[in-house]
C-alpha atoms as a PDB file:
ATOM      1  CA  UNK A   1      94.759 132.385 121.029  1.00  0.00           C
ATOM      2  CA  UNK A   2      94.440 130.127 123.713  1.00  0.00           C
ATOM      3  CA  UNK A   3      97.315 127.489 124.008  1.00  0.00           C
ATOM      4  CA  UNK A   4      97.038 124.229 124.156  1.00  0.00           C
ATOM      5  CA  UNK A   5      99.538 123.163 126.864  1.00  0.00           C
ATOM      6  CA  UNK A   6     100.814 119.753 128.430  1.00  0.00           C
ATOM      7  CA  UNK A   7     102.450 119.224 130.998  1.00  0.00           C
ATOM      8  CA  UNK A   8     104.473 115.393 131.563  1.00  0.00           C
ATOM      9  CA  UNK A   9     105.077 114.285 135.231  1.00  0.00           C
ATOM     10  CA  UNK A  10     107.021 112.082 136.668  1.00  0.00           C
ATOM     11  CA  UNK A  11     107.347 111.113 140.786  1.00  0.00           C
ATOM     12  CA  UNK A  12     110.240 108.956 141.088  1.00  0.00           C
ATOM     13  CA  UNK A  13     110.936 107.419 144.902  1.00  0.00           C
ATOM     14  CA  UNK A  14     113.660 104.818 145.528  1.00  0.00           C
ATOM     15  CA  UNK A  15     111.975 102.883 148.072  1.00  0.00           C
ATOM     16  CA  UNK A  16     108.324 102.209 146.215  1.00  0.00           C
ATOM     17  CA  UNK A  17     108.069  99.564 143.862  1.00  0.00           C
ATOM     18  CA  UNK A  18     104.689 101.079 142.478  1.00  0.00           C
ATOM     19  CA  UNK A  19     104.038 104.530 141.310  1.00  0.00           C
ATOM     20  CA  UNK A  20     100.886 104.937 142.901  1.00  0.00           C
ATOM     21  CA  UNK A  21     102.007 103.785 146.571  1.00  0.00           C
ATOM     22  CA  UNK A  22     101.023 106.423 148.915  1.00  0.00           C
ATOM     23  CA  UNK A  23     102.882 104.767 152.118  1.00  0.00           C
ATOM     24  CA  UNK A  24     106.572 104.082 151.422  1.00  0.00           C
ATOM     25  CA  UNK A  25     108.711 106.371 152.076  1.00  0.00           C
ATOM     26  CA  UNK A  26     112.356 107.121 150.248  1.00  0.00           C
ATOM     27  CA  UNK A  27     114.642 109.407 148.342  1.00  0.00           C
ATOM     28  CA  UNK A  28     112.548 111.072 145.807  1.00  0.00           C
ATOM     29  CA  UNK A  29     112.341 113.212 142.713  1.00  0.00           C
ATOM     30  CA  UNK A  30     110.164 114.525 140.406  1.00  0.00           C
ATOM     31  CA  UNK A  31     110.974 115.560 136.487  1.00  0.00           C
ATOM     32  CA  UNK A  32     108.601 117.669 134.509  1.00  0.00           C
ATOM     33  CA  UNK A  33     108.121 118.412 130.390  1.00  0.00           C
ATOM     34  CA  UNK A  34     106.222 121.336 129.359  1.00  0.00           C
ATOM     35  CA  UNK A  35     105.186 121.820 125.732  1.00  0.00           C
ATOM     36  CA  UNK A  36     103.086 124.344 124.029  1.00  0.00           C
ATOM     37  CA  UNK A  37     101.049 123.524 120.885  1.00  0.00           C
ATOM     38  CA  UNK A  38     103.923 120.703 120.553  1.00  0.00           C
ATOM     39  CA  UNK A  39     106.887 122.348 121.076  1.00  0.00           C
ATOM     40  CA  UNK A  40     108.890 122.089 124.312  1.00  0.00           C
ATOM     41  CA  UNK A  41     108.857 125.020 126.162  1.00  0.00           C
ATOM     42  CA  UNK A  42     110.329 123.760 129.600  1.00  0.00           C
ATOM     43  CA  UNK A  43     111.746 120.945 131.556  1.00  0.00           C
ATOM     44  CA  UNK A  44     112.075 121.221 135.361  1.00  0.00           C
ATOM     45  CA  UNK A  45     112.990 118.608 138.397  1.00  0.00           C
ATOM     46  CA  UNK A  46     113.654 118.856 141.619  1.00  0.00           C
ATOM     47  CA  UNK A  47     113.984 116.489 144.829  1.00  0.00           C
ATOM     48  CA  UNK A  48     113.927 115.559 148.596  1.00  0.00           C
ATOM     49  CA  UNK A  49     114.824 112.587 150.508  1.00  0.00           C
ATOM     50  CA  UNK A  50     112.331 111.110 153.380  1.00  0.00           C
ATOM     51  CA  UNK A  51     109.715 112.014 150.575  1.00  0.00           C
ATOM     52  CA  UNK A  52     106.796 109.480 148.455  1.00  0.00           C
ATOM     53  CA  UNK A  53     105.859 108.764 145.133  1.00  0.00           C
ATOM     54  CA  UNK A  54     102.485 110.858 146.152  1.00  0.00           C
ATOM     55  CA  UNK A  55     104.592 113.588 147.142  1.00  0.00           C
ATOM     56  CA  UNK A  56     106.954 114.302 144.536  1.00  0.00           C
ATOM     57  CA  UNK A  57     103.726 113.056 142.010  1.00  0.00           C
ATOM     58  CA  UNK A  58     101.750 116.655 143.614  1.00  0.00           C
ATOM     59  CA  UNK A  59     104.739 118.629 143.695  1.00  0.00           C
ATOM     60  CA  UNK A  60     105.178 118.256 139.911  1.00  0.00           C
ATOM     61  CA  UNK A  61     102.463 119.269 139.034  1.00  0.00           C
ATOM     62  CA  UNK A  62     102.377 122.419 141.369  1.00  0.00           C
ATOM     63  CA  UNK A  63     105.588 123.343 140.003  1.00  0.00           C
ATOM     64  CA  UNK A  64     104.188 122.781 136.148  1.00  0.00           C
ATOM     65  CA  UNK A  65     101.330 124.904 136.587  1.00  0.00           C
ATOM     66  CA  UNK A  66     103.582 127.837 138.430  1.00  0.00           C
ATOM     67  CA  UNK A  67     105.556 127.907 134.992  1.00  0.00           C
ATOM     68  CA  UNK A  68     102.441 128.894 132.945  1.00  0.00           C
ATOM     69  CA  UNK A  69     101.435 132.609 133.314  1.00  0.00           C
ATOM     70  CA  UNK A  70      98.638 132.736 130.390  1.00  0.00           C
ATOM     71  CA  UNK A  71      94.784 131.095 130.847  1.00  0.00           C
ATOM     72  CA  UNK A  72      95.148 127.674 128.680  1.00  0.00           C
ATOM     73  CA  UNK A  73      94.092 124.659 127.678  1.00  0.00           C
ATOM     74  CA  UNK A  74      95.980 122.228 130.002  1.00  0.00           C
ATOM     75  CA  UNK A  75      96.255 118.198 129.854  1.00  0.00           C
ATOM     76  CA  UNK A  76      98.525 116.952 132.755  1.00  0.00           C
ATOM     77  CA  UNK A  77      99.930 113.518 132.366  1.00  0.00           C
ATOM     78  CA  UNK A  78     100.841 111.025 135.215  1.00  0.00           C
ATOM     79  CA  UNK A  79     101.679 107.872 136.458  1.00  0.00           C
ATOM     80  CA  UNK A  80      99.961 108.323 139.911  1.00  0.00           C
ATOM     81  CA  UNK A  81      95.902 107.252 140.154  1.00  0.00           C
ATOM     82  CA  UNK A  82      95.448 108.388 143.471  1.00  0.00           C
ATOM     83  CA  UNK A  83      96.776 111.984 142.666  1.00  0.00           C
ATOM     84  CA  UNK A  84      94.388 111.500 139.190  1.00  0.00           C
ATOM     85  CA  UNK A  85      91.901 110.822 141.396  1.00  0.00           C
ATOM     86  CA  UNK A  86      91.803 113.440 143.924  1.00  0.00           C
ATOM     87  CA  UNK A  87      91.688 116.074 141.151  1.00  0.00           C
ATOM     88  CA  UNK A  88      89.132 114.494 139.136  1.00  0.00           C
ATOM     89  CA  UNK A  89      86.778 112.985 141.116  1.00  0.00           C
ATOM     90  CA  UNK A  90      86.348 116.492 143.486  1.00  0.00           C
ATOM     91  CA  UNK A  91      88.174 114.770 146.212  1.00  0.00           C
ATOM     92  CA  UNK A  92      90.312 117.743 146.815  1.00  0.00           C
ATOM     93  CA  UNK A  93      87.361 120.707 147.096  1.00  0.00           C
ATOM     94  CA  UNK A  94      85.522 117.886 149.613  1.00  0.00           C
ATOM     95  CA  UNK A  95      88.468 117.915 151.700  1.00  0.00           C
ATOM     96  CA  UNK A  96      89.059 121.609 151.550  1.00  0.00           C
ATOM     97  CA  UNK A  97      85.622 121.993 152.584  1.00  0.00           C
ATOM     98  CA  UNK A  98      86.428 120.074 155.827  1.00  0.00           C
ATOM     99  CA  UNK A  99      89.488 121.886 156.372  1.00  0.00           C
ATOM    100  CA  UNK A 100      92.041 118.779 154.914  1.00  0.00           C
ATOM    101  CA  UNK A 101      91.167 117.352 158.471  1.00  0.00           C
ATOM    102  CA  UNK A 102      93.391 113.745 158.654  1.00  0.00           C
ATOM    103  CA  UNK A 103      94.119 113.841 155.203  1.00  0.00           C
ATOM    104  CA  UNK A 104      97.910 113.134 154.285  1.00  0.00           C
ATOM    105  CA  UNK A 105      99.719 115.494 152.221  1.00  0.00           C
ATOM    106  CA  UNK A 106      97.866 118.304 153.273  1.00  0.00           C
ATOM    107  CA  UNK A 107     100.590 120.516 153.036  1.00  0.00           C
ATOM    108  CA  UNK A 108     101.185 120.031 149.286  1.00  0.00           C
ATOM    109  CA  UNK A 109      97.275 120.133 148.670  1.00  0.00           C
ATOM    110  CA  UNK A 110      96.879 123.097 150.443  1.00  0.00           C
ATOM    111  CA  UNK A 111      99.871 124.463 147.958  1.00  0.00           C
ATOM    112  CA  UNK A 112      98.104 123.189 144.765  1.00  0.00           C
ATOM    113  CA  UNK A 113      94.592 124.237 145.352  1.00  0.00           C
ATOM    114  CA  UNK A 114      96.303 128.101 145.670  1.00  0.00           C
ATOM    115  CA  UNK A 115      97.710 127.699 142.356  1.00  0.00           C
ATOM    116  CA  UNK A 116      94.543 126.589 140.808  1.00  0.00           C
ATOM    117  CA  UNK A 117      92.993 129.357 142.375  1.00  0.00           C
ATOM    118  CA  UNK A 118      95.363 132.080 140.799  1.00  0.00           C
ATOM    119  CA  UNK A 119      95.031 130.943 136.994  1.00  0.00           C
ATOM    120  CA  UNK A 120      91.469 130.462 134.953  1.00  0.00           C
ATOM    121  CA  UNK A 121      93.173 127.421 133.175  1.00  0.00           C
ATOM    122  CA  UNK A 122      90.863 125.006 131.798  1.00  0.00           C
ATOM    123  CA  UNK A 123      92.910 121.388 133.457  1.00  0.00           C
ATOM    124  CA  UNK A 124      92.076 117.788 132.243  1.00  0.00           C
ATOM    125  CA  UNK A 125      94.058 115.332 134.061  1.00  0.00           C
ATOM    126  CA  UNK A 126      95.056 111.984 132.218  1.00  0.00           C
ATOM    127  CA  UNK A 127      96.708 108.586 132.992  1.00  0.00           C
ATOM    128  CA  UNK A 128     100.331 108.712 131.319  1.00  0.00           C
ATOM    129  CA  UNK A 129      99.587 104.809 129.998  1.00  0.00           C
ATOM    130  CA  UNK A 130      98.540 106.190 126.229  1.00  0.00           C
ATOM    131  CA  UNK A 131     102.205 108.655 126.154  1.00  0.00           C
ATOM    132  CA  UNK A 132     104.388 106.716 128.410  1.00  0.00           C
ATOM    133  CA  UNK A 133     107.019 105.675 125.356  1.00  0.00           C
ATOM    134  CA  UNK A 134     107.072 109.498 123.602  1.00  0.00           C
ATOM    135  CA  UNK A 135     109.876 110.973 124.129  1.00  0.00           C
ATOM    136  CA  UNK A 136     108.539 113.699 126.807  1.00  0.00           C
ATOM    137  CA  UNK A 137     107.452 111.551 129.498  1.00  0.00           C
ATOM    138  CA  UNK A 138     110.555 109.421 128.803  1.00  0.00           C
ATOM    139  CA  UNK A 139     112.388 112.588 129.267  1.00  0.00           C
ATOM    140  CA  UNK A 140     110.016 113.363 132.677  1.00  0.00           C
ATOM    141  CA  UNK A 141     110.638 109.856 133.981  1.00  0.00           C
ATOM    142  CA  UNK A 142     114.624 110.497 133.322  1.00  0.00           C
ATOM    143  CA  UNK A 143     114.745 113.912 134.831  1.00  0.00           C
ATOM    144  CA  UNK A 144     112.884 112.400 138.067  1.00  0.00           C
ATOM    145  CA  UNK A 145     114.825 109.211 138.428  1.00  0.00           C
ATOM    146  CA  UNK A 146     118.154 111.512 138.085  1.00  0.00           C
ATOM    147  CA  UNK A 147     116.609 113.417 140.941  1.00  0.00           C
ATOM    148  CA  UNK A 148     116.211 110.501 143.474  1.00  0.00           C
ATOM    149  CA  UNK A 149     119.356 108.949 143.097  1.00  0.00           C
ATOM    150  CA  UNK A 150     121.353 112.187 144.234  1.00  0.00           C
ATOM    151  CA  UNK A 151     123.154 112.387 147.546  1.00  0.00           C
ATOM    152  CA  UNK A 152     121.864 115.018 150.114  1.00  0.00           C
ATOM    153  CA  UNK A 153     118.788 116.304 149.483  1.00  0.00           C
ATOM    154  CA  UNK A 154     116.852 118.217 151.054  1.00  0.00           C
ATOM    155  CA  UNK A 155     114.400 116.365 153.577  1.00  0.00           C
ATOM    156  CA  UNK A 156     110.594 116.527 153.098  1.00  0.00           C
ATOM    157  CA  UNK A 157     109.101 114.337 155.870  1.00  0.00           C
ATOM    158  CA  UNK A 158     109.502 114.803 159.309  1.00  0.00           C
ATOM    159  CA  UNK A 159     110.455 111.350 161.421  1.00  0.00           C
ATOM    160  CA  UNK A 160     106.944 111.575 163.298  1.00  0.00           C
ATOM    161  CA  UNK A 161     104.843 112.788 160.617  1.00  0.00           C
ATOM    162  CA  UNK A 162     101.560 110.464 160.771  1.00  0.00           C
ATOM    163  CA  UNK A 163     100.671 107.740 158.493  1.00  0.00           C
ATOM    164  CA  UNK A 164     103.707 108.367 156.048  1.00  0.00           C
ATOM    165  CA  UNK A 165     106.510 106.093 157.415  1.00  0.00           C
ATOM    166  CA  UNK A 166     107.833 103.239 155.939  1.00  0.00           C
ATOM    167  CA  UNK A 167     106.874 101.275 158.816  1.00  0.00           C
ATOM    168  CA  UNK A 168     105.960 103.077 162.149  1.00  0.00           C
ATOM    169  CA  UNK A 169     107.638 101.567 165.125  1.00  0.00           C
ATOM    170  CA  UNK A 170     105.841 100.069 168.130  1.00  0.00           C
ATOM    171  CA  UNK A 171     107.878 102.706 170.769  1.00  0.00           C
ATOM    172  CA  UNK A 172     107.373 105.225 168.031  1.00  0.00           C
ATOM    173  CA  UNK A 173     111.293 106.302 168.340  1.00  0.00           C
ATOM    174  CA  UNK A 174     113.986 104.663 166.512  1.00  0.00           C
ATOM    175  CA  UNK A 175     117.721 104.623 168.079  1.00  0.00           C
ATOM    176  CA  UNK A 176     119.719 107.051 168.327  1.00  0.00           C
ATOM    177  CA  UNK A 177     122.386 105.909 166.681  1.00  0.00           C
ATOM    178  CA  UNK A 178     120.509 104.397 163.708  1.00  0.00           C
ATOM    179  CA  UNK A 179     121.994 107.532 160.712  1.00  0.00           C
ATOM    180  CA  UNK A 180     119.096 106.070 157.727  1.00  0.00           C
ATOM    181  CA  UNK A 181     121.391 107.056 154.168  1.00  0.00           C
ATOM    182  CA  UNK A 182     119.662 107.682 151.236  1.00  0.00           C
ATOM    183  CA  UNK A 183     122.492 106.598 148.881  1.00  0.00           C
ATOM    184  CA  UNK A 184     124.013 103.299 150.654  1.00  0.00           C
ATOM    185  CA  UNK A 185     122.157 100.536 153.332  1.00  0.00           C
ATOM    186  CA  UNK A 186     123.448 100.540 156.472  1.00  0.00           C
ATOM    187  CA  UNK A 187     125.296  97.008 157.653  1.00  0.00           C
ATOM    188  CA  UNK A 188     124.397  97.050 161.116  1.00  0.00           C
ATOM    189  CA  UNK A 189     121.378  94.553 160.840  1.00  0.00           C
ATOM    190  CA  UNK A 190     119.885  91.905 158.821  1.00  0.00           C
ATOM    191  CA  UNK A 191     118.519  91.219 155.448  1.00  0.00           C
ATOM    192  CA  UNK A 192     115.843  88.489 154.374  1.00  0.00           C
ATOM    193  CA  UNK A 193     114.578  87.106 151.092  1.00  0.00           C
ATOM    194  CA  UNK A 194     112.654  84.636 150.244  1.00  0.00           C
ATOM    195  CA  UNK A 195     112.380  82.477 147.193  1.00  0.00           C
ATOM    196  CA  UNK A 196     109.182  79.798 145.819  1.00  0.00           C
ATOM    197  CA  UNK A 197     109.724  77.078 142.884  1.00  0.00           C
ATOM    198  CA  UNK A 198     106.194  78.016 141.575  1.00  0.00           C
ATOM    199  CA  UNK A 199     104.019  80.440 142.949  1.00  0.00           C
ATOM    200  CA  UNK A 200     102.405  78.848 145.164  1.00  0.00           C
ATOM    201  CA  UNK A 201     105.136  75.825 145.767  1.00  0.00           C
ATOM    202  CA  UNK A 202     107.869  75.110 147.887  1.00  0.00           C
ATOM    203  CA  UNK A 203     109.135  78.312 149.520  1.00  0.00           C
ATOM    204  CA  UNK A 204     112.324  78.779 151.639  1.00  0.00           C
ATOM    205  CA  UNK A 205     113.170  81.929 153.407  1.00  0.00           C
ATOM    206  CA  UNK A 206     116.176  83.167 155.047  1.00  0.00           C
ATOM    207  CA  UNK A 207     118.228  85.721 156.773  1.00  0.00           C
ATOM    208  CA  UNK A 208     121.515  87.399 156.370  1.00  0.00           C
ATOM    209  CA  UNK A 209     123.896  89.076 158.151  1.00  0.00           C
ATOM    210  CA  UNK A 210     123.953  92.522 155.670  1.00  0.00           C
ATOM    211  CA  UNK A 211     127.678  93.378 156.483  1.00  0.00           C
ATOM    212  CA  UNK A 212     129.196  89.541 156.115  1.00  0.00           C
ATOM    213  CA  UNK A 213     126.614  87.326 154.007  1.00  0.00           C
ATOM    214  CA  UNK A 214     126.470  84.972 156.724  1.00  0.00           C
ATOM    215  CA  UNK A 215     123.289  82.897 156.726  1.00  0.00           C
ATOM    216  CA  UNK A 216     121.513  83.326 160.286  1.00  0.00           C
ATOM    217  CA  UNK A 217     118.621  81.545 160.127  1.00  0.00           C
ATOM    218  CA  UNK A 218     116.819  79.652 157.020  1.00  0.00           C
ATOM    219  CA  UNK A 219     113.324  77.910 156.658  1.00  0.00           C
ATOM    220  CA  UNK A 220     111.358  75.783 154.230  1.00  0.00           C
ATOM    221  CA  UNK A 221     108.174  74.854 153.142  1.00  0.00           C
ATOM    222  CA  UNK A 222     106.268  72.275 150.620  1.00  0.00           C
ATOM    223  CA  UNK A 223     103.712  74.566 150.210  1.00  0.00           C
ATOM    224  CA  UNK A 224     103.761  78.650 150.389  1.00  0.00           C
ATOM    225  CA  UNK A 225     104.035  81.907 148.641  1.00  0.00           C
ATOM    226  CA  UNK A 226     107.029  84.115 148.037  1.00  0.00           C
ATOM    227  CA  UNK A 227     104.878  87.369 150.016  1.00  0.00           C
ATOM    228  CA  UNK A 228     104.328  84.790 152.961  1.00  0.00           C
ATOM    229  CA  UNK A 229     107.956  83.424 153.004  1.00  0.00           C
ATOM    230  CA  UNK A 230     109.038  87.222 152.976  1.00  0.00           C
ATOM    231  CA  UNK A 231     106.513  88.078 155.922  1.00  0.00           C
ATOM    232  CA  UNK A 232     107.749  85.395 158.066  1.00  0.00           C
ATOM    233  CA  UNK A 233     111.384  86.197 157.509  1.00  0.00           C
ATOM    234  CA  UNK A 234     110.742  89.297 158.731  1.00  0.00           C
ATOM    235  CA  UNK A 235     108.486  88.195 161.776  1.00  0.00           C
ATOM    236  CA  UNK A 236     111.450  84.929 162.536  1.00  0.00           C
ATOM    237  CA  UNK A 237     114.417  88.004 162.532  1.00  0.00           C
ATOM    238  CA  UNK A 238     112.331  90.002 164.786  1.00  0.00           C
ATOM    239  CA  UNK A 239     111.504  87.346 167.432  1.00  0.00           C
ATOM    240  CA  UNK A 240     115.009  85.751 167.101  1.00  0.00           C
ATOM    241  CA  UNK A 241     116.724  88.784 168.035  1.00  0.00           C
ATOM    242  CA  UNK A 242     114.558  89.408 170.711  1.00  0.00           C
ATOM    243  CA  UNK A 243     114.600  85.780 172.224  1.00  0.00           C
ATOM    244  CA  UNK A 244     118.267  85.974 172.425  1.00  0.00           C
ATOM    245  CA  UNK A 245     118.001  89.597 174.329  1.00  0.00           C
ATOM    246  CA  UNK A 246     119.501  91.848 171.304  1.00  0.00           C
ATOM    247  CA  UNK A 247     117.898  94.585 169.547  1.00  0.00           C
ATOM    248  CA  UNK A 248     118.037  94.744 165.433  1.00  0.00           C
ATOM    249  CA  UNK A 249     118.879  98.171 164.228  1.00  0.00           C
ATOM    250  CA  UNK A 250     117.645  97.312 160.924  1.00  0.00           C
ATOM    251  CA  UNK A 251     116.244  94.871 158.796  1.00  0.00           C
ATOM    252  CA  UNK A 252     116.137  95.342 154.581  1.00  0.00           C
ATOM    253  CA  UNK A 253     113.353  93.502 152.432  1.00  0.00           C
ATOM    254  CA  UNK A 254     112.859  93.766 149.229  1.00  0.00           C
ATOM    255  CA  UNK A 255     109.278  93.123 149.569  1.00  0.00           C
ATOM    256  CA  UNK A 256     106.894  95.834 149.894  1.00  0.00           C
ATOM    257  CA  UNK A 257     103.833  93.478 150.585  1.00  0.00           C
ATOM    258  CA  UNK A 258     105.605  91.731 153.248  1.00  0.00           C
ATOM    259  CA  UNK A 259     106.609  94.780 155.090  1.00  0.00           C
ATOM    260  CA  UNK A 260     103.251  96.458 154.833  1.00  0.00           C
ATOM    261  CA  UNK A 261     101.820  92.917 156.022  1.00  0.00           C
ATOM    262  CA  UNK A 262     104.603  93.358 159.341  1.00  0.00           C
ATOM    263  CA  UNK A 263     103.026  97.286 159.584  1.00  0.00           C
ATOM    264  CA  UNK A 264      99.728  95.845 159.215  1.00  0.00           C
ATOM    265  CA  UNK A 265     100.437  93.074 161.928  1.00  0.00           C
ATOM    266  CA  UNK A 266      98.354  90.872 159.708  1.00  0.00           C
ATOM    267  CA  UNK A 267      99.118  88.557 156.640  1.00  0.00           C
ATOM    268  CA  UNK A 268      96.620  89.714 154.314  1.00  0.00           C
ATOM    269  CA  UNK A 269      97.030  86.580 151.823  1.00  0.00           C
ATOM    270  CA  UNK A 270      94.347  85.561 149.637  1.00  0.00           C
ATOM    271  CA  UNK A 271      95.989  81.919 149.709  1.00  0.00           C
ATOM    272  CA  UNK A 272      94.144  79.600 151.255  1.00  0.00           C
ATOM    273  CA  UNK A 273      94.909  76.632 153.492  1.00  0.00           C
ATOM    274  CA  UNK A 274      94.083  73.264 152.549  1.00  0.00           C
ATOM    275  CA  UNK A 275      95.539  70.056 154.200  1.00  0.00           C
ATOM    276  CA  UNK A 276      99.041  70.321 152.693  1.00  0.00           C
ATOM    277  CA  UNK A 277      99.936  73.587 154.230  1.00  0.00           C
ATOM    278  CA  UNK A 278      98.523  73.523 157.825  1.00  0.00           C
ATOM    279  CA  UNK A 279     101.970  74.085 159.777  1.00  0.00           C
ATOM    280  CA  UNK A 280     102.432  77.250 157.042  1.00  0.00           C
ATOM    281  CA  UNK A 281      98.920  78.521 158.616  1.00  0.00           C
ATOM    282  CA  UNK A 282     100.120  77.680 162.239  1.00  0.00           C
ATOM    283  CA  UNK A 283     103.459  79.749 162.017  1.00  0.00           C
ATOM    284  CA  UNK A 284     101.400  82.936 160.087  1.00  0.00           C
ATOM    285  CA  UNK A 285      99.109  82.843 163.399  1.00  0.00           C
ATOM    286  CA  UNK A 286     102.110  82.658 166.089  1.00  0.00           C
ATOM    287  CA  UNK A 287     104.129  85.263 163.722  1.00  0.00           C
ATOM    288  CA  UNK A 288     100.886  87.466 164.115  1.00  0.00           C
ATOM    289  CA  UNK A 289     100.585  86.891 167.403  1.00  0.00           C
ATOM    290  CA  UNK A 290     104.240  87.881 168.026  1.00  0.00           C
ATOM    291  CA  UNK A 291     103.581  90.707 166.416  1.00  0.00           C
ATOM    292  CA  UNK A 292     100.365  91.747 168.506  1.00  0.00           C
ATOM    293  CA  UNK A 293     102.089  91.153 172.184  1.00  0.00           C
ATOM    294  CA  UNK A 294     105.632  92.212 171.124  1.00  0.00           C
ATOM    295  CA  UNK A 295     107.382  95.717 171.673  1.00  0.00           C
ATOM    296  CA  UNK A 296     110.745  96.520 169.438  1.00  0.00           C
ATOM    297  CA  UNK A 297     112.894  99.320 168.064  1.00  0.00           C
ATOM    298  CA  UNK A 298     113.801  97.641 164.730  1.00  0.00           C
ATOM    299  CA  UNK A 299     113.396  99.784 161.608  1.00  0.00           C
ATOM    300  CA  UNK A 300     112.413  97.402 158.078  1.00  0.00           C
ATOM    301  CA  UNK A 301     113.341  99.039 155.388  1.00  0.00           C
ATOM    302  CA  UNK A 302     112.789  98.398 151.537  1.00  0.00           C
ATOM    303  CA  UNK A 303     115.821  97.133 149.658  1.00  0.00           C
ATOM    304  CA  UNK A 304     116.558  99.780 146.935  1.00  0.00           C
ATOM    305  CA  UNK A 305     117.527  96.847 144.392  1.00  0.00           C
ATOM    306  CA  UNK A 306     118.041  99.501 141.440  1.00  0.00           C
ATOM    307  CA  UNK A 307     120.602 101.478 143.689  1.00  0.00           C
ATOM    308  CA  UNK A 308     122.112  98.706 145.315  1.00  0.00           C
ATOM    309  CA  UNK A 309     121.399  95.237 143.236  1.00  0.00           C
ATOM    310  CA  UNK A 310     120.119  92.202 144.434  1.00  0.00           C
ATOM    311  CA  UNK A 311     119.217  91.940 148.260  1.00  0.00           C
ATOM    312  CA  UNK A 312     122.419  89.902 149.727  1.00  0.00           C
ATOM    313  CA  UNK A 313     119.904  87.237 151.305  1.00  0.00           C
ATOM    314  CA  UNK A 314     118.782  86.531 147.211  1.00  0.00           C
ATOM    315  CA  UNK A 315     118.924  83.210 146.231  1.00  0.00           C
ATOM    316  CA  UNK A 316     119.853  84.036 142.535  1.00  0.00           C
ATOM    317  CA  UNK A 317     116.927  82.205 141.149  1.00  0.00           C
ATOM    318  CA  UNK A 318     115.470  84.616 138.915  1.00  0.00           C
END
């Protein structure tokens, strides 16, 4: 009799706000729960520093399948749409034919492909939305989050791995004395935050010394969005310190979107220009131009709210 196997996979990454965000690097973990004909038969967990959610999900699938020795009907549940599409839509096969050229996580995709070829399972991949409240998936989530919160995990990615860093610095290097730790924030820098009354609406942003809590700069617009405020706050910090002949080691923001916009050197807002926000859009253009024409070595990271509490620049209006 062919067994009905279900594998519940949860990939966790501290610096990711979305489970399917493939670009953000942080402390990660994976949790796996396996059932056979409705009965739990195994649970597995592991973790790495300097990794991504996608990598944790791919490893989770691979490690789960390695536990199934006999040909089985297998359903794998996970929350990562990118990984699901890769396996369901034949992308993996196409990448394989092209030698995985310019594909992220090729090392893990090759390992998973090897495991798939070694067995004769019938496998389907499903989004976890239908099982997210089941005891099995919640256990997998707990296992993954617990691992991602541990200290001194082995490092997954190298600092110069293309396309995987949270923020690729213009020079391609980072200050030699900057040591990133997974369990606590660096204090030698500043953090930024924005607050919007209604969205869009009156928007403030500020930069605060991470160590002392001193407000270093602040600005206000009568009409903007929170993401724009976060974006401008990061660029304001970069430009201010450059103008003063200083080099910031690190900037923390709790906005994934703003960090990605800075990385792309574009404020990719869908908010439209009006008579009331002309000054705002002039400042956006100036910020984009500064990013295009400036070189800096500042590391820009996502503030880990779950582990560290609210960012020190927070306005306390939540």
